[in-house]
Amino acid sequence: MTLALPLAWMNQSGPAVKAMVEALGLSAEQVPDHVIVVHDDLDLPLGRLRIKRHGGPGGHNGILSLITTLDTDEFCRVKLGVGRPPAGMDSADYVLAPFVAEEASRGDAMVEQAVLALECLLADGVAAAMNRFNQELIADS
């Protein structure tokens, strides 16, 4: 098992992930079973986790970079809800900004749940992790 945090911007992470896949000696056919991407999601409210087996980019440029570079949308995603930016705020500025004080505990709890979701994913598989974690909205601690 390998955990990687590419040093590239998320929007340009495809080449870094492809290089990692190649360095690990994984074939294109092995990507769906060996690559899990954890990323923010503006379409989910803060505190909501969603695990997906595959799919389109949904407006997320980082996922588009991965799909384009890996030439597949067949990889698991753990989406971390961050909600929508306030009116007039650029999405990129919003996702790069720290949580405001009243959101911090929910963000911290969501990250803790994401770790549990990843452990479940690895130990019990995608279906079990989806059943357990796709339903939960993380409450403020």
C-alpha atoms as a PDB file:
ATOM      1  CA  MET A   1       0.000   0.000   0.000  1.00  0.00           C
ATOM      2  CA  THR A   2       1.257   3.482  -0.863  1.00  0.00           C
ATOM      3  CA  LEU A   3      -0.087   6.790   0.372  1.00  0.00           C
ATOM      4  CA  ALA A   4       0.871   9.756  -1.785  1.00  0.00           C
ATOM      5  CA  LEU A   5       0.318  13.481  -1.556  1.00  0.00           C
ATOM      6  CA  PRO A   6       1.330  14.953  -4.912  1.00  0.00           C
ATOM      7  CA  LEU A   7       3.141  18.261  -4.651  1.00  0.00           C
ATOM      8  CA  ALA A   8       1.358  19.542  -7.760  1.00  0.00           C
ATOM      9  CA  TRP A   9      -1.733  21.704  -7.529  1.00  0.00           C
ATOM     10  CA  MET A  10      -4.825  19.508  -7.440  1.00  0.00           C
ATOM     11  CA  ASN A  11      -5.901  20.879 -10.826  1.00  0.00           C
ATOM     12  CA  GLN A  12      -2.647  19.542 -12.298  1.00  0.00           C
ATOM     13  CA  SER A  13      -2.367  16.292 -10.329  1.00  0.00           C
ATOM     14  CA  GLY A  14      -2.946  13.899 -13.221  1.00  0.00           C
ATOM     15  CA  PRO A  15       0.706  13.708 -14.352  1.00  0.00           C
ATOM     16  CA  ALA A  16       1.937  13.191 -10.764  1.00  0.00           C
ATOM     17  CA  VAL A  17      -0.538  10.373 -10.140  1.00  0.00           C
ATOM     18  CA  LYS A  18       0.285   8.774 -13.499  1.00  0.00           C
ATOM     19  CA  ALA A  19       4.001   8.880 -12.625  1.00  0.00           C
ATOM     20  CA  MET A  20       3.226   7.225  -9.284  1.00  0.00           C
ATOM     21  CA  VAL A  21       1.109   4.539 -10.963  1.00  0.00           C
ATOM     22  CA  GLU A  22       3.944   3.829 -13.395  1.00  0.00           C
ATOM     23  CA  ALA A  23       6.588   3.836 -10.620  1.00  0.00           C
ATOM     24  CA  LEU A  24       4.526   1.258  -8.725  1.00  0.00           C
ATOM     25  CA  GLY A  25       4.384  -0.886 -11.851  1.00  0.00           C
ATOM     26  CA  LEU A  26       0.592  -0.772 -12.085  1.00  0.00           C
ATOM     27  CA  SER A  27      -1.021  -1.404 -15.451  1.00  0.00           C
ATOM     28  CA  ALA A  28      -3.953   0.672 -16.673  1.00  0.00           C
ATOM     29  CA  GLU A  29      -6.202  -2.283 -15.854  1.00  0.00           C
ATOM     30  CA  GLN A  30      -5.072  -2.189 -12.221  1.00  0.00           C
ATOM     31  CA  VAL A  31      -5.875   1.503 -11.659  1.00  0.00           C
ATOM     32  CA  PRO A  32      -9.528   0.932 -10.631  1.00  0.00           C
ATOM     33  CA  ASP A  33      -8.490  -1.445  -7.854  1.00  0.00           C
ATOM     34  CA  HIS A  34      -5.428   0.467  -6.644  1.00  0.00           C
ATOM     35  CA  VAL A  35      -6.081   4.207  -6.893  1.00  0.00           C
ATOM     36  CA  ILE A  36      -8.194   6.091  -4.373  1.00  0.00           C
ATOM     37  CA  VAL A  37      -8.377   9.864  -4.706  1.00  0.00           C
ATOM     38  CA  VAL A  38      -9.411  12.033  -1.757  1.00  0.00           C
ATOM     39  CA  HIS A  39     -10.642  15.465  -2.797  1.00  0.00           C
ATOM     40  CA  ASP A  40     -12.826  18.415  -1.892  1.00  0.00           C
ATOM     41  CA  ASP A  41     -16.304  18.750  -3.364  1.00  0.00           C
ATOM     42  CA  LEU A  42     -18.197  22.024  -3.653  1.00  0.00           C
ATOM     43  CA  ASP A  43     -21.467  20.210  -4.383  1.00  0.00           C
ATOM     44  CA  LEU A  44     -21.528  18.498  -0.995  1.00  0.00           C
ATOM     45  CA  PRO A  45     -22.305  20.433   2.172  1.00  0.00           C
ATOM     46  CA  LEU A  46     -19.527  20.859   4.696  1.00  0.00           C
ATOM     47  CA  GLY A  47     -19.270  17.641   6.666  1.00  0.00           C
ATOM     48  CA  ARG A  48     -20.704  15.277   4.062  1.00  0.00           C
ATOM     49  CA  LEU A  49     -18.537  12.415   2.773  1.00  0.00           C
ATOM     50  CA  ARG A  50     -19.303  10.550  -0.408  1.00  0.00           C
ATOM     51  CA  ILE A  51     -17.448   7.569  -1.796  1.00  0.00           C
ATOM     52  CA  LYS A  52     -17.778   6.778  -5.499  1.00  0.00           C
ATOM     53  CA  ARG A  53     -16.310   3.986  -7.594  1.00  0.00           C
ATOM     54  CA  HIS A  54     -15.973   6.081 -10.764  1.00  0.00           C
ATOM     55  CA  GLY A  55     -17.589   8.896 -12.703  1.00  0.00           C
ATOM     56  CA  GLY A  56     -17.026  12.138 -14.508  1.00  0.00           C
ATOM     57  CA  PRO A  57     -15.226  15.179 -13.165  1.00  0.00           C
ATOM     58  CA  GLY A  58     -18.390  16.954 -11.996  1.00  0.00           C
ATOM     59  CA  GLY A  59     -16.754  20.323 -12.654  1.00  0.00           C
ATOM     60  CA  HIS A  60     -13.673  19.446 -10.576  1.00  0.00           C
ATOM     61  CA  ASN A  61     -10.574  20.347 -12.596  1.00  0.00           C
ATOM     62  CA  GLY A  62      -8.310  18.093 -10.545  1.00  0.00           C
ATOM     63  CA  ILE A  63     -10.479  15.074 -11.268  1.00  0.00           C
ATOM     64  CA  LEU A  64     -10.573  16.122 -14.929  1.00  0.00           C
ATOM     65  CA  SER A  65      -6.746  16.171 -14.897  1.00  0.00           C
ATOM     66  CA  LEU A  66      -6.687  12.651 -13.460  1.00  0.00           C
ATOM     67  CA  ILE A  67      -9.264  11.299 -15.911  1.00  0.00           C
ATOM     68  CA  THR A  68      -7.492  12.886 -18.869  1.00  0.00           C
ATOM     69  CA  THR A  69      -3.994  11.773 -17.859  1.00  0.00           C
ATOM     70  CA  LEU A  70      -4.916   8.264 -16.706  1.00  0.00           C
ATOM     71  CA  ASP A  71      -7.312   7.903 -19.656  1.00  0.00           C
ATOM     72  CA  THR A  72      -9.988   6.460 -17.379  1.00  0.00           C
ATOM     73  CA  ASP A  73     -12.607   7.582 -14.895  1.00  0.00           C
ATOM     74  CA  GLU A  74     -12.402   4.175 -13.204  1.00  0.00           C
ATOM     75  CA  PHE A  75     -10.814   5.050  -9.869  1.00  0.00           C
ATOM     76  CA  CYS A  76     -12.329   5.364  -6.437  1.00  0.00           C
ATOM     77  CA  ARG A  77     -12.949   8.808  -4.955  1.00  0.00           C
ATOM     78  CA  VAL A  78     -13.539   9.914  -1.384  1.00  0.00           C
ATOM     79  CA  LYS A  79     -15.224  13.282  -1.702  1.00  0.00           C
ATOM     80  CA  LEU A  80     -15.086  15.704   1.218  1.00  0.00           C
ATOM     81  CA  GLY A  81     -17.881  18.245   1.210  1.00  0.00           C
ATOM     82  CA  VAL A  82     -16.825  21.856   1.604  1.00  0.00           C
ATOM     83  CA  GLY A  83     -20.030  23.501   0.407  1.00  0.00           C
ATOM     84  CA  ARG A  84     -20.391  26.416  -1.969  1.00  0.00           C
ATOM     85  CA  PRO A  85     -18.467  29.681  -1.710  1.00  0.00           C
ATOM     86  CA  PRO A  86     -20.305  32.832  -0.721  1.00  0.00           C
ATOM     87  CA  ALA A  87     -21.759  34.833  -3.606  1.00  0.00           C
ATOM     88  CA  GLY A  88     -19.065  36.649  -5.535  1.00  0.00           C
ATOM     89  CA  MET A  89     -16.164  34.582  -4.149  1.00  0.00           C
ATOM     90  CA  ASP A  90     -13.986  32.636  -6.586  1.00  0.00           C
ATOM     91  CA  SER A  91     -14.197  28.866  -6.073  1.00  0.00           C
ATOM     92  CA  ALA A  92     -10.401  28.453  -6.112  1.00  0.00           C
ATOM     93  CA  ASP A  93      -9.972  31.106  -3.421  1.00  0.00           C
ATOM     94  CA  TYR A  94     -12.717  29.442  -1.380  1.00  0.00           C
ATOM     95  CA  VAL A  95     -11.254  25.923  -1.393  1.00  0.00           C
ATOM     96  CA  LEU A  96      -7.743  27.203  -0.613  1.00  0.00           C
ATOM     97  CA  ALA A  97      -8.912  29.303   2.353  1.00  0.00           C
ATOM     98  CA  PRO A  98      -8.901  27.851   5.877  1.00  0.00           C
ATOM     99  CA  PHE A  99     -12.222  27.048   7.473  1.00  0.00           C
ATOM    100  CA  VAL A 100     -13.719  29.932   9.419  1.00  0.00           C
ATOM    101  CA  ALA A 101     -13.963  29.375  13.175  1.00  0.00           C
ATOM    102  CA  GLU A 102     -17.568  28.131  13.178  1.00  0.00           C
ATOM    103  CA  GLU A 103     -16.722  25.558  10.465  1.00  0.00           C
ATOM    104  CA  ALA A 104     -13.445  24.282  11.908  1.00  0.00           C
ATOM    105  CA  SER A 105     -14.862  21.607  14.222  1.00  0.00           C
ATOM    106  CA  ARG A 106     -17.041  20.194  11.442  1.00  0.00           C
ATOM    107  CA  GLY A 107     -14.055  20.184   9.073  1.00  0.00           C
ATOM    108  CA  ASP A 108     -11.878  18.422  11.647  1.00  0.00           C
ATOM    109  CA  ALA A 109     -14.592  15.820  12.307  1.00  0.00           C
ATOM    110  CA  MET A 110     -15.003  15.260   8.563  1.00  0.00           C
ATOM    111  CA  VAL A 111     -11.269  14.609   8.156  1.00  0.00           C
ATOM    112  CA  GLU A 112     -11.399  12.103  11.032  1.00  0.00           C
ATOM    113  CA  GLN A 113     -14.356  10.365   9.353  1.00  0.00           C
ATOM    114  CA  ALA A 114     -12.453  10.343   6.049  1.00  0.00           C
ATOM    115  CA  VAL A 115      -9.612   8.457   7.733  1.00  0.00           C
ATOM    116  CA  LEU A 116     -12.114   5.889   9.048  1.00  0.00           C
ATOM    117  CA  ALA A 117     -13.699   5.676   5.589  1.00  0.00           C
ATOM    118  CA  LEU A 118     -10.313   5.006   3.989  1.00  0.00           C
ATOM    119  CA  GLU A 119      -9.532   2.318   6.560  1.00  0.00           C
ATOM    120  CA  CYS A 120     -12.911   0.695   5.859  1.00  0.00           C
ATOM    121  CA  LEU A 121     -12.360   0.986   2.124  1.00  0.00           C
ATOM    122  CA  LEU A 122      -9.017  -0.791   2.354  1.00  0.00           C
ATOM    123  CA  ALA A 123     -10.146  -3.455   4.818  1.00  0.00           C
ATOM    124  CA  ASP A 124     -13.701  -4.174   3.666  1.00  0.00           C
ATOM    125  CA  GLY A 125     -13.963  -2.841   0.101  1.00  0.00           C
ATOM    126  CA  VAL A 126     -15.752  -0.073  -1.720  1.00  0.00           C
ATOM    127  CA  ALA A 127     -19.312  -1.349  -1.275  1.00  0.00           C
ATOM    128  CA  ALA A 128     -18.970  -1.658   2.500  1.00  0.00           C
ATOM    129  CA  ALA A 129     -17.396   1.785   2.784  1.00  0.00           C
ATOM    130  CA  MET A 130     -20.104   3.330   0.619  1.00  0.00           C
ATOM    131  CA  ASN A 131     -22.844   1.721   2.722  1.00  0.00           C
ATOM    132  CA  ARG A 132     -21.296   2.938   5.946  1.00  0.00           C
ATOM    133  CA  PHE A 133     -20.066   6.423   5.083  1.00  0.00           C
ATOM    134  CA  ASN A 134     -22.174   7.836   2.235  1.00  0.00           C
ATOM    135  CA  GLN A 135     -25.091   8.414   4.581  1.00  0.00           C
ATOM    136  CA  GLU A 136     -23.460  10.360   7.357  1.00  0.00           C
ATOM    137  CA  LEU A 137     -23.373  14.108   7.754  1.00  0.00           C
ATOM    138  CA  ILE A 138     -20.673  15.011  10.221  1.00  0.00           C
ATOM    139  CA  ALA A 139     -22.102  17.019  13.107  1.00  0.00           C
ATOM    140  CA  ASP A 140     -20.204  19.763  14.897  1.00  0.00           C
ATOM    141  CA  SER A 141     -18.068  18.381  17.706  1.00  0.00           C
END
